[in-house]
Amino acid sequence: MREILAERMTGESVMHYVNDAMQYGSDNETAAIAAWEAQTGEFVKPASFYRHPRIEFFGATPDGLIGDDGLIEAKVPTSSTFVGWRMAGVVPEEHHAQMLAQLACTGRKWVQFVAFEPRAHNPRLRLFVKRFEPELAAIQAVEAEAERFLKEVDLQWELLTAGADESH
């Protein structure tokens, strides 16, 4: 919330901390998508920023578009995180909200969650793929939470700017 308030105040994006593992994941995201394309024979179309059709200031940027109804979310985590995700065999809970927001903003129906470990010696162990296709109620819940959060941002903005127009 403070980052959003700072962006409103300055009109500039706030810099975010990026550690080595985060940078590695970002640097290898394209390779993750290419590996998924090679495995499935399907192609991912580039995506952009999508504004929610109804909720002002709510948007999302999926990693790509699949067909007419799908999205792709590619992750290149640390090796131990990848092993945990692969062994659990489910889309990690910590990424649900992000993908729900993407679905809410794009109007698409499902997300192909793709985790990639390019360092795995066995090529068959490099990808973990799981479809995320939530119920409409889950998408509606994230929309309601976004609306609640954005109302709180507006209240905090009013507190931050109270008296700012008074001359000193």
N, C-alpha and C. Protein backbone atom coordinates (compact mmCIF):
# COMPACT_ATOMS: atom_id res chain seq x y z
N MET A 1 0.83 -1.18 0.00
CA MET A 1 0.00 0.00 0.00
C MET A 1 0.88 1.26 0.00
N ARG A 2 1.95 1.23 0.79
CA ARG A 2 2.85 2.40 0.81
C ARG A 2 3.50 2.62 -0.55
N GLU A 3 3.81 1.53 -1.26
CA GLU A 3 4.39 1.69 -2.59
C GLU A 3 3.41 2.37 -3.53
N ILE A 4 2.14 1.98 -3.48
CA ILE A 4 1.13 2.60 -4.34
C ILE A 4 0.97 4.07 -3.97
N LEU A 5 0.95 4.36 -2.68
CA LEU A 5 0.84 5.75 -2.25
C LEU A 5 2.05 6.56 -2.72
N ALA A 6 3.24 5.97 -2.63
CA ALA A 6 4.44 6.66 -3.10
C ALA A 6 4.38 6.91 -4.60
N GLU A 7 3.86 5.95 -5.35
CA GLU A 7 3.73 6.13 -6.80
C GLU A 7 2.72 7.23 -7.12
N ARG A 8 1.62 7.30 -6.38
CA ARG A 8 0.65 8.38 -6.57
C ARG A 8 1.28 9.73 -6.27
N MET A 9 2.08 9.77 -5.21
CA MET A 9 2.68 11.02 -4.77
C MET A 9 3.73 11.52 -5.76
N THR A 10 4.52 10.61 -6.32
CA THR A 10 5.63 11.02 -7.18
C THR A 10 5.33 10.91 -8.66
N GLY A 11 4.36 10.07 -9.02
CA GLY A 11 4.10 9.82 -10.44
C GLY A 11 5.13 8.89 -11.06
N GLU A 12 5.94 8.25 -10.24
CA GLU A 12 6.98 7.35 -10.73
C GLU A 12 6.84 5.98 -10.09
N SER A 13 7.28 4.96 -10.81
CA SER A 13 7.27 3.60 -10.27
C SER A 13 8.27 3.49 -9.13
N VAL A 14 7.90 2.73 -8.12
CA VAL A 14 8.78 2.48 -6.99
C VAL A 14 9.71 1.33 -7.36
N MET A 15 10.99 1.49 -7.06
CA MET A 15 11.94 0.41 -7.32
C MET A 15 11.68 -0.72 -6.34
N HIS A 16 11.80 -1.96 -6.81
CA HIS A 16 11.59 -3.13 -5.98
C HIS A 16 12.90 -3.88 -5.79
N TYR A 17 13.07 -4.43 -4.62
CA TYR A 17 14.24 -5.22 -4.31
C TYR A 17 14.22 -6.51 -5.13
N VAL A 18 15.34 -6.83 -5.74
CA VAL A 18 15.49 -8.06 -6.52
C VAL A 18 16.77 -8.75 -6.05
N ASN A 19 16.61 -9.96 -5.50
CA ASN A 19 17.80 -10.71 -5.09
C ASN A 19 18.27 -11.59 -6.25
N ASP A 20 19.36 -12.31 -6.05
CA ASP A 20 19.94 -13.11 -7.14
C ASP A 20 18.97 -14.18 -7.64
N ALA A 21 18.25 -14.83 -6.72
CA ALA A 21 17.30 -15.89 -7.13
C ALA A 21 16.15 -15.29 -7.96
N MET A 22 15.67 -14.12 -7.56
CA MET A 22 14.60 -13.47 -8.31
C MET A 22 15.09 -13.09 -9.71
N GLN A 23 16.31 -12.57 -9.79
CA GLN A 23 16.87 -12.18 -11.08
C GLN A 23 17.06 -13.39 -11.98
N TYR A 24 17.53 -14.50 -11.40
CA TYR A 24 17.71 -15.74 -12.16
C TYR A 24 16.37 -16.20 -12.74
N GLY A 25 15.32 -16.15 -11.93
CA GLY A 25 13.99 -16.53 -12.40
C GLY A 25 13.51 -15.65 -13.52
N SER A 26 13.71 -14.36 -13.37
CA SER A 26 13.31 -13.42 -14.42
C SER A 26 14.11 -13.64 -15.70
N ASP A 27 15.39 -13.86 -15.56
CA ASP A 27 16.25 -14.07 -16.73
C ASP A 27 15.90 -15.35 -17.50
N ASN A 28 15.33 -16.33 -16.81
CA ASN A 28 15.05 -17.63 -17.44
C ASN A 28 13.58 -17.88 -17.75
N GLU A 29 12.73 -16.88 -17.56
CA GLU A 29 11.30 -17.04 -17.82
C GLU A 29 11.02 -17.39 -19.28
N THR A 30 11.70 -16.74 -20.20
CA THR A 30 11.51 -17.01 -21.63
C THR A 30 11.89 -18.46 -21.96
N ALA A 31 12.96 -18.94 -21.34
CA ALA A 31 13.38 -20.33 -21.55
C ALA A 31 12.33 -21.30 -21.01
N ALA A 32 11.69 -20.95 -19.91
CA ALA A 32 10.63 -21.79 -19.35
C ALA A 32 9.47 -21.92 -20.32
N ILE A 33 9.08 -20.79 -20.90
CA ILE A 33 7.98 -20.81 -21.86
C ILE A 33 8.38 -21.59 -23.11
N ALA A 34 9.60 -21.41 -23.57
CA ALA A 34 10.08 -22.15 -24.74
C ALA A 34 10.10 -23.66 -24.47
N ALA A 35 10.49 -24.05 -23.28
CA ALA A 35 10.51 -25.47 -22.92
C ALA A 35 9.09 -26.04 -22.91
N TRP A 36 8.13 -25.27 -22.38
CA TRP A 36 6.74 -25.71 -22.39
C TRP A 36 6.23 -25.84 -23.83
N GLU A 37 6.56 -24.85 -24.68
CA GLU A 37 6.14 -24.91 -26.09
C GLU A 37 6.72 -26.14 -26.77
N ALA A 38 8.00 -26.44 -26.52
CA ALA A 38 8.65 -27.60 -27.13
C ALA A 38 7.99 -28.90 -26.66
N GLN A 39 7.61 -28.95 -25.39
CA GLN A 39 7.00 -30.17 -24.85
C GLN A 39 5.58 -30.37 -25.37
N THR A 40 4.82 -29.29 -25.54
CA THR A 40 3.40 -29.41 -25.89
C THR A 40 3.10 -29.22 -27.37
N GLY A 41 4.00 -28.54 -28.09
CA GLY A 41 3.72 -28.21 -29.49
C GLY A 41 2.78 -27.02 -29.64
N GLU A 42 2.38 -26.42 -28.53
CA GLU A 42 1.53 -25.23 -28.57
C GLU A 42 2.40 -23.99 -28.49
N PHE A 43 1.84 -22.87 -28.94
CA PHE A 43 2.59 -21.63 -28.93
C PHE A 43 1.94 -20.61 -28.00
N VAL A 44 2.77 -19.85 -27.36
CA VAL A 44 2.33 -18.81 -26.44
C VAL A 44 2.41 -17.47 -27.16
N LYS A 45 1.31 -16.73 -27.10
CA LYS A 45 1.29 -15.38 -27.67
C LYS A 45 1.71 -14.39 -26.59
N PRO A 46 2.41 -13.34 -26.97
CA PRO A 46 2.82 -12.33 -25.98
C PRO A 46 1.60 -11.70 -25.31
N ALA A 47 1.77 -11.33 -24.07
CA ALA A 47 0.72 -10.65 -23.32
C ALA A 47 1.21 -9.27 -22.93
N SER A 48 0.28 -8.44 -22.52
CA SER A 48 0.63 -7.09 -22.07
C SER A 48 -0.06 -6.85 -20.73
N PHE A 49 -0.16 -5.61 -20.36
CA PHE A 49 -0.88 -5.25 -19.13
C PHE A 49 -2.36 -5.18 -19.45
N TYR A 50 -3.17 -5.83 -18.64
CA TYR A 50 -4.62 -5.85 -18.83
C TYR A 50 -5.29 -5.16 -17.66
N ARG A 51 -6.06 -4.13 -17.95
CA ARG A 51 -6.84 -3.44 -16.92
C ARG A 51 -8.13 -4.22 -16.69
N HIS A 52 -8.54 -4.29 -15.46
CA HIS A 52 -9.81 -4.94 -15.15
C HIS A 52 -10.94 -4.15 -15.82
N PRO A 53 -11.91 -4.85 -16.40
CA PRO A 53 -12.97 -4.13 -17.12
C PRO A 53 -13.88 -3.27 -16.25
N ARG A 54 -13.88 -3.52 -14.93
CA ARG A 54 -14.81 -2.80 -14.06
C ARG A 54 -14.12 -2.08 -12.89
N ILE A 55 -13.01 -2.62 -12.41
CA ILE A 55 -12.37 -2.09 -11.21
C ILE A 55 -11.19 -1.20 -11.60
N GLU A 56 -11.37 0.10 -11.36
CA GLU A 56 -10.32 1.06 -11.70
C GLU A 56 -9.06 0.78 -10.87
N PHE A 57 -7.91 0.92 -11.48
CA PHE A 57 -6.60 0.72 -10.85
C PHE A 57 -6.31 -0.74 -10.50
N PHE A 58 -7.03 -1.67 -11.11
CA PHE A 58 -6.76 -3.10 -10.89
C PHE A 58 -6.38 -3.69 -12.24
N GLY A 59 -5.18 -4.26 -12.31
CA GLY A 59 -4.72 -4.84 -13.55
C GLY A 59 -3.73 -5.96 -13.30
N ALA A 60 -3.36 -6.64 -14.38
CA ALA A 60 -2.45 -7.77 -14.26
C ALA A 60 -1.69 -7.96 -15.56
N THR A 61 -0.53 -8.58 -15.46
CA THR A 61 0.31 -8.86 -16.61
C THR A 61 0.67 -10.35 -16.62
N PRO A 62 -0.10 -11.16 -17.34
CA PRO A 62 0.27 -12.58 -17.44
C PRO A 62 1.54 -12.74 -18.28
N ASP A 63 2.17 -13.89 -18.17
CA ASP A 63 3.39 -14.15 -18.93
C ASP A 63 3.10 -14.42 -20.41
N GLY A 64 1.88 -14.84 -20.73
CA GLY A 64 1.54 -15.09 -22.12
C GLY A 64 0.12 -15.59 -22.25
N LEU A 65 -0.34 -15.67 -23.48
CA LEU A 65 -1.69 -16.13 -23.80
C LEU A 65 -1.61 -17.47 -24.52
N ILE A 66 -2.53 -18.37 -24.17
CA ILE A 66 -2.60 -19.67 -24.82
C ILE A 66 -4.00 -19.81 -25.41
N GLY A 67 -4.06 -19.99 -26.72
CA GLY A 67 -5.36 -20.15 -27.38
C GLY A 67 -6.29 -19.00 -27.08
N ASP A 68 -7.59 -19.31 -27.01
CA ASP A 68 -8.59 -18.27 -26.77
C ASP A 68 -8.96 -18.13 -25.31
N ASP A 69 -8.65 -19.14 -24.48
CA ASP A 69 -9.13 -19.13 -23.10
C ASP A 69 -8.06 -19.21 -22.04
N GLY A 70 -6.80 -19.43 -22.45
CA GLY A 70 -5.77 -19.71 -21.45
C GLY A 70 -4.70 -18.66 -21.31
N LEU A 71 -4.01 -18.74 -20.19
CA LEU A 71 -2.84 -17.92 -19.89
C LEU A 71 -1.72 -18.86 -19.47
N ILE A 72 -0.50 -18.34 -19.44
CA ILE A 72 0.62 -19.10 -18.90
C ILE A 72 1.30 -18.25 -17.85
N GLU A 73 1.67 -18.89 -16.76
CA GLU A 73 2.45 -18.26 -15.71
C GLU A 73 3.67 -19.12 -15.49
N ALA A 74 4.84 -18.58 -15.85
CA ALA A 74 6.08 -19.34 -15.79
C ALA A 74 6.91 -18.89 -14.59
N LYS A 75 7.43 -19.86 -13.86
CA LYS A 75 8.28 -19.60 -12.71
C LYS A 75 9.56 -20.40 -12.86
N VAL A 76 10.68 -19.79 -12.48
CA VAL A 76 11.96 -20.48 -12.44
C VAL A 76 12.51 -20.27 -11.03
N PRO A 77 12.05 -21.09 -10.10
CA PRO A 77 12.43 -20.91 -8.69
C PRO A 77 13.79 -21.52 -8.38
N THR A 78 14.17 -21.44 -7.13
CA THR A 78 15.38 -22.14 -6.69
C THR A 78 15.14 -23.64 -6.87
N SER A 79 16.21 -24.40 -6.95
CA SER A 79 16.10 -25.84 -7.17
C SER A 79 15.29 -26.52 -6.08
N SER A 80 15.50 -26.14 -4.82
CA SER A 80 14.77 -26.79 -3.73
C SER A 80 13.29 -26.44 -3.77
N THR A 81 12.96 -25.23 -4.14
CA THR A 81 11.55 -24.84 -4.28
C THR A 81 10.91 -25.64 -5.41
N PHE A 82 11.61 -25.76 -6.53
CA PHE A 82 11.10 -26.54 -7.66
C PHE A 82 10.80 -27.98 -7.23
N VAL A 83 11.74 -28.59 -6.52
CA VAL A 83 11.56 -29.98 -6.06
C VAL A 83 10.31 -30.07 -5.18
N GLY A 84 10.14 -29.12 -4.29
CA GLY A 84 8.96 -29.13 -3.43
C GLY A 84 7.66 -29.02 -4.21
N TRP A 85 7.63 -28.13 -5.19
CA TRP A 85 6.43 -27.96 -6.01
C TRP A 85 6.14 -29.24 -6.79
N ARG A 86 7.19 -29.78 -7.40
CA ARG A 86 7.01 -30.98 -8.22
C ARG A 86 6.52 -32.16 -7.36
N MET A 87 7.09 -32.31 -6.18
CA MET A 87 6.68 -33.41 -5.31
C MET A 87 5.26 -33.22 -4.79
N ALA A 88 4.86 -31.99 -4.51
CA ALA A 88 3.50 -31.72 -4.03
C ALA A 88 2.47 -31.98 -5.14
N GLY A 89 2.86 -31.70 -6.39
CA GLY A 89 2.00 -31.99 -7.52
C GLY A 89 0.80 -31.07 -7.69
N VAL A 90 0.84 -29.91 -7.04
CA VAL A 90 -0.26 -28.95 -7.15
C VAL A 90 0.30 -27.56 -7.42
N VAL A 91 -0.56 -26.69 -7.93
CA VAL A 91 -0.15 -25.30 -8.12
C VAL A 91 0.08 -24.70 -6.73
N PRO A 92 1.25 -24.13 -6.50
CA PRO A 92 1.55 -23.60 -5.18
C PRO A 92 0.56 -22.51 -4.76
N GLU A 93 0.10 -22.63 -3.54
CA GLU A 93 -0.89 -21.69 -2.98
C GLU A 93 -0.42 -20.24 -3.09
N GLU A 94 0.89 -20.00 -2.92
CA GLU A 94 1.39 -18.63 -2.93
C GLU A 94 1.23 -17.92 -4.28
N HIS A 95 0.88 -18.66 -5.32
CA HIS A 95 0.68 -18.05 -6.64
C HIS A 95 -0.78 -17.98 -7.06
N HIS A 96 -1.69 -18.47 -6.23
CA HIS A 96 -3.11 -18.45 -6.58
C HIS A 96 -3.64 -17.03 -6.79
N ALA A 97 -3.38 -16.12 -5.85
CA ALA A 97 -3.93 -14.76 -5.96
C ALA A 97 -3.47 -14.08 -7.24
N GLN A 98 -2.21 -14.23 -7.58
CA GLN A 98 -1.68 -13.63 -8.81
C GLN A 98 -2.43 -14.14 -10.03
N MET A 99 -2.64 -15.45 -10.10
CA MET A 99 -3.31 -16.03 -11.26
C MET A 99 -4.80 -15.72 -11.26
N LEU A 100 -5.41 -15.64 -10.09
CA LEU A 100 -6.82 -15.23 -10.02
C LEU A 100 -6.98 -13.80 -10.54
N ALA A 101 -6.06 -12.92 -10.17
CA ALA A 101 -6.11 -11.54 -10.67
C ALA A 101 -5.93 -11.51 -12.19
N GLN A 102 -5.03 -12.33 -12.71
CA GLN A 102 -4.83 -12.38 -14.16
C GLN A 102 -6.11 -12.83 -14.87
N LEU A 103 -6.78 -13.84 -14.32
CA LEU A 103 -8.02 -14.32 -14.92
C LEU A 103 -9.12 -13.26 -14.83
N ALA A 104 -9.20 -12.58 -13.69
CA ALA A 104 -10.20 -11.54 -13.51
C ALA A 104 -10.01 -10.40 -14.52
N CYS A 105 -8.78 -10.04 -14.76
CA CYS A 105 -8.49 -8.89 -15.64
C CYS A 105 -8.56 -9.24 -17.12
N THR A 106 -8.27 -10.48 -17.47
CA THR A 106 -8.27 -10.86 -18.89
C THR A 106 -9.58 -11.49 -19.34
N GLY A 107 -10.37 -12.00 -18.40
CA GLY A 107 -11.60 -12.70 -18.76
C GLY A 107 -11.35 -14.11 -19.28
N ARG A 108 -10.13 -14.58 -19.15
CA ARG A 108 -9.82 -15.94 -19.60
C ARG A 108 -10.21 -16.95 -18.53
N LYS A 109 -10.16 -18.24 -18.87
CA LYS A 109 -10.74 -19.27 -17.99
C LYS A 109 -9.73 -20.07 -17.18
N TRP A 110 -8.51 -20.18 -17.64
CA TRP A 110 -7.53 -21.02 -16.95
C TRP A 110 -6.12 -20.49 -17.17
N VAL A 111 -5.22 -20.95 -16.28
CA VAL A 111 -3.80 -20.60 -16.37
C VAL A 111 -3.00 -21.89 -16.35
N GLN A 112 -2.06 -22.00 -17.27
CA GLN A 112 -1.11 -23.10 -17.26
C GLN A 112 0.06 -22.66 -16.38
N PHE A 113 0.17 -23.25 -15.20
CA PHE A 113 1.28 -22.95 -14.31
C PHE A 113 2.46 -23.80 -14.74
N VAL A 114 3.58 -23.14 -15.03
CA VAL A 114 4.77 -23.84 -15.51
C VAL A 114 5.96 -23.46 -14.63
N ALA A 115 6.53 -24.46 -13.97
CA ALA A 115 7.77 -24.26 -13.22
C ALA A 115 8.88 -24.97 -13.99
N PHE A 116 10.04 -24.32 -14.04
CA PHE A 116 11.14 -24.80 -14.88
C PHE A 116 12.42 -24.84 -14.08
N GLU A 117 13.12 -25.96 -14.20
CA GLU A 117 14.44 -26.12 -13.57
C GLU A 117 15.44 -26.51 -14.65
N PRO A 118 16.05 -25.51 -15.31
CA PRO A 118 16.95 -25.80 -16.44
C PRO A 118 18.22 -26.54 -16.05
N ARG A 119 18.55 -26.57 -14.76
CA ARG A 119 19.78 -27.23 -14.31
C ARG A 119 19.62 -28.72 -14.09
N ALA A 120 18.39 -29.23 -14.17
CA ALA A 120 18.16 -30.66 -13.95
C ALA A 120 18.89 -31.46 -15.02
N HIS A 121 19.64 -32.48 -14.61
CA HIS A 121 20.40 -33.29 -15.56
C HIS A 121 19.48 -34.06 -16.50
N ASN A 122 18.38 -34.58 -15.98
CA ASN A 122 17.42 -35.33 -16.79
C ASN A 122 16.41 -34.34 -17.38
N PRO A 123 16.40 -34.18 -18.70
CA PRO A 123 15.48 -33.20 -19.33
C PRO A 123 14.02 -33.43 -18.97
N ARG A 124 13.64 -34.68 -18.66
CA ARG A 124 12.24 -34.96 -18.33
C ARG A 124 11.85 -34.43 -16.95
N LEU A 125 12.84 -34.03 -16.17
CA LEU A 125 12.56 -33.49 -14.84
C LEU A 125 12.60 -31.96 -14.80
N ARG A 126 12.78 -31.33 -15.94
CA ARG A 126 12.96 -29.88 -15.96
C ARG A 126 11.66 -29.08 -15.85
N LEU A 127 10.54 -29.69 -16.21
CA LEU A 127 9.27 -28.96 -16.18
C LEU A 127 8.29 -29.57 -15.18
N PHE A 128 7.59 -28.70 -14.49
CA PHE A 128 6.42 -29.09 -13.70
C PHE A 128 5.28 -28.23 -14.24
N VAL A 129 4.25 -28.88 -14.75
CA VAL A 129 3.13 -28.18 -15.39
C VAL A 129 1.83 -28.62 -14.73
N LYS A 130 1.02 -27.64 -14.37
CA LYS A 130 -0.27 -27.93 -13.76
C LYS A 130 -1.27 -26.86 -14.18
N ARG A 131 -2.44 -27.27 -14.62
CA ARG A 131 -3.47 -26.31 -15.00
C ARG A 131 -4.18 -25.78 -13.76
N PHE A 132 -4.39 -24.48 -13.74
CA PHE A 132 -5.11 -23.79 -12.67
C PHE A 132 -6.41 -23.29 -13.27
N GLU A 133 -7.51 -23.90 -12.89
CA GLU A 133 -8.81 -23.55 -13.44
C GLU A 133 -9.80 -23.40 -12.29
N PRO A 134 -9.79 -22.21 -11.66
CA PRO A 134 -10.59 -22.02 -10.45
C PRO A 134 -12.09 -21.83 -10.75
N GLU A 135 -12.86 -21.99 -9.70
CA GLU A 135 -14.29 -21.69 -9.77
C GLU A 135 -14.46 -20.18 -9.89
N LEU A 136 -15.57 -19.77 -10.48
CA LEU A 136 -15.88 -18.34 -10.63
C LEU A 136 -15.88 -17.64 -9.27
N ALA A 137 -16.33 -18.32 -8.23
CA ALA A 137 -16.38 -17.71 -6.90
C ALA A 137 -14.99 -17.28 -6.42
N ALA A 138 -13.95 -18.02 -6.78
CA ALA A 138 -12.60 -17.65 -6.37
C ALA A 138 -12.15 -16.37 -7.08
N ILE A 139 -12.51 -16.23 -8.34
CA ILE A 139 -12.19 -15.01 -9.09
C ILE A 139 -12.96 -13.84 -8.50
N GLN A 140 -14.23 -14.04 -8.19
CA GLN A 140 -15.04 -12.98 -7.60
C GLN A 140 -14.49 -12.57 -6.23
N ALA A 141 -13.96 -13.52 -5.48
CA ALA A 141 -13.39 -13.20 -4.16
C ALA A 141 -12.15 -12.32 -4.30
N VAL A 142 -11.31 -12.59 -5.29
CA VAL A 142 -10.12 -11.75 -5.47
C VAL A 142 -10.53 -10.36 -5.97
N GLU A 143 -11.58 -10.28 -6.76
CA GLU A 143 -12.08 -8.97 -7.19
C GLU A 143 -12.60 -8.17 -5.99
N ALA A 144 -13.34 -8.83 -5.10
CA ALA A 144 -13.85 -8.16 -3.91
C ALA A 144 -12.70 -7.68 -3.02
N GLU A 145 -11.66 -8.49 -2.90
CA GLU A 145 -10.50 -8.11 -2.10
C GLU A 145 -9.77 -6.93 -2.74
N ALA A 146 -9.67 -6.92 -4.06
CA ALA A 146 -9.04 -5.79 -4.76
C ALA A 146 -9.82 -4.50 -4.51
N GLU A 147 -11.14 -4.59 -4.59
CA GLU A 147 -11.97 -3.41 -4.33
C GLU A 147 -11.79 -2.91 -2.90
N ARG A 148 -11.77 -3.84 -1.94
CA ARG A 148 -11.57 -3.46 -0.54
C ARG A 148 -10.20 -2.78 -0.36
N PHE A 149 -9.17 -3.38 -0.93
CA PHE A 149 -7.82 -2.84 -0.81
C PHE A 149 -7.73 -1.45 -1.45
N LEU A 150 -8.31 -1.28 -2.62
CA LEU A 150 -8.22 0.02 -3.31
C LEU A 150 -9.01 1.10 -2.57
N LYS A 151 -10.09 0.74 -1.89
CA LYS A 151 -10.80 1.72 -1.05
C LYS A 151 -9.91 2.15 0.11
N GLU A 152 -9.19 1.20 0.68
CA GLU A 152 -8.27 1.54 1.77
C GLU A 152 -7.13 2.42 1.27
N VAL A 153 -6.64 2.17 0.06
CA VAL A 153 -5.61 3.04 -0.53
C VAL A 153 -6.14 4.46 -0.64
N ASP A 154 -7.38 4.60 -1.11
CA ASP A 154 -7.98 5.94 -1.23
C ASP A 154 -8.08 6.62 0.13
N LEU A 155 -8.47 5.90 1.17
CA LEU A 155 -8.55 6.48 2.51
C LEU A 155 -7.17 6.91 3.00
N GLN A 156 -6.17 6.06 2.77
CA GLN A 156 -4.81 6.40 3.19
C GLN A 156 -4.27 7.60 2.40
N TRP A 157 -4.66 7.70 1.13
CA TRP A 157 -4.25 8.84 0.31
C TRP A 157 -4.82 10.13 0.90
N GLU A 158 -6.08 10.07 1.31
CA GLU A 158 -6.70 11.24 1.93
C GLU A 158 -5.96 11.65 3.20
N LEU A 159 -5.57 10.69 4.02
CA LEU A 159 -4.80 11.00 5.23
C LEU A 159 -3.43 11.58 4.90
N LEU A 160 -2.78 11.02 3.91
CA LEU A 160 -1.45 11.48 3.51
C LEU A 160 -1.48 12.91 2.98
N THR A 161 -2.52 13.24 2.24
CA THR A 161 -2.57 14.54 1.57
C THR A 161 -3.38 15.58 2.35
N ALA A 162 -3.95 15.21 3.48
CA ALA A 162 -4.74 16.16 4.27
C ALA A 162 -3.86 17.35 4.65
N GLY A 163 -4.34 18.52 4.34
CA GLY A 163 -3.62 19.74 4.69
C GLY A 163 -2.47 20.07 3.78
N ALA A 164 -2.24 19.28 2.72
CA ALA A 164 -1.10 19.54 1.83
C ALA A 164 -1.28 20.82 1.03
N ASP A 165 -2.52 21.27 0.86
CA ASP A 165 -2.75 22.49 0.08
C ASP A 165 -2.66 23.76 0.91
N GLU A 166 -2.52 23.62 2.22
CA GLU A 166 -2.42 24.79 3.07
C GLU A 166 -1.07 25.45 2.87
N SER A 167 -1.05 26.75 2.80
CA SER A 167 0.23 27.46 2.63
C SER A 167 0.94 27.54 3.98
N HIS A 168 2.24 27.56 3.93
CA HIS A 168 3.05 27.59 5.17
C HIS A 168 3.55 28.96 5.44
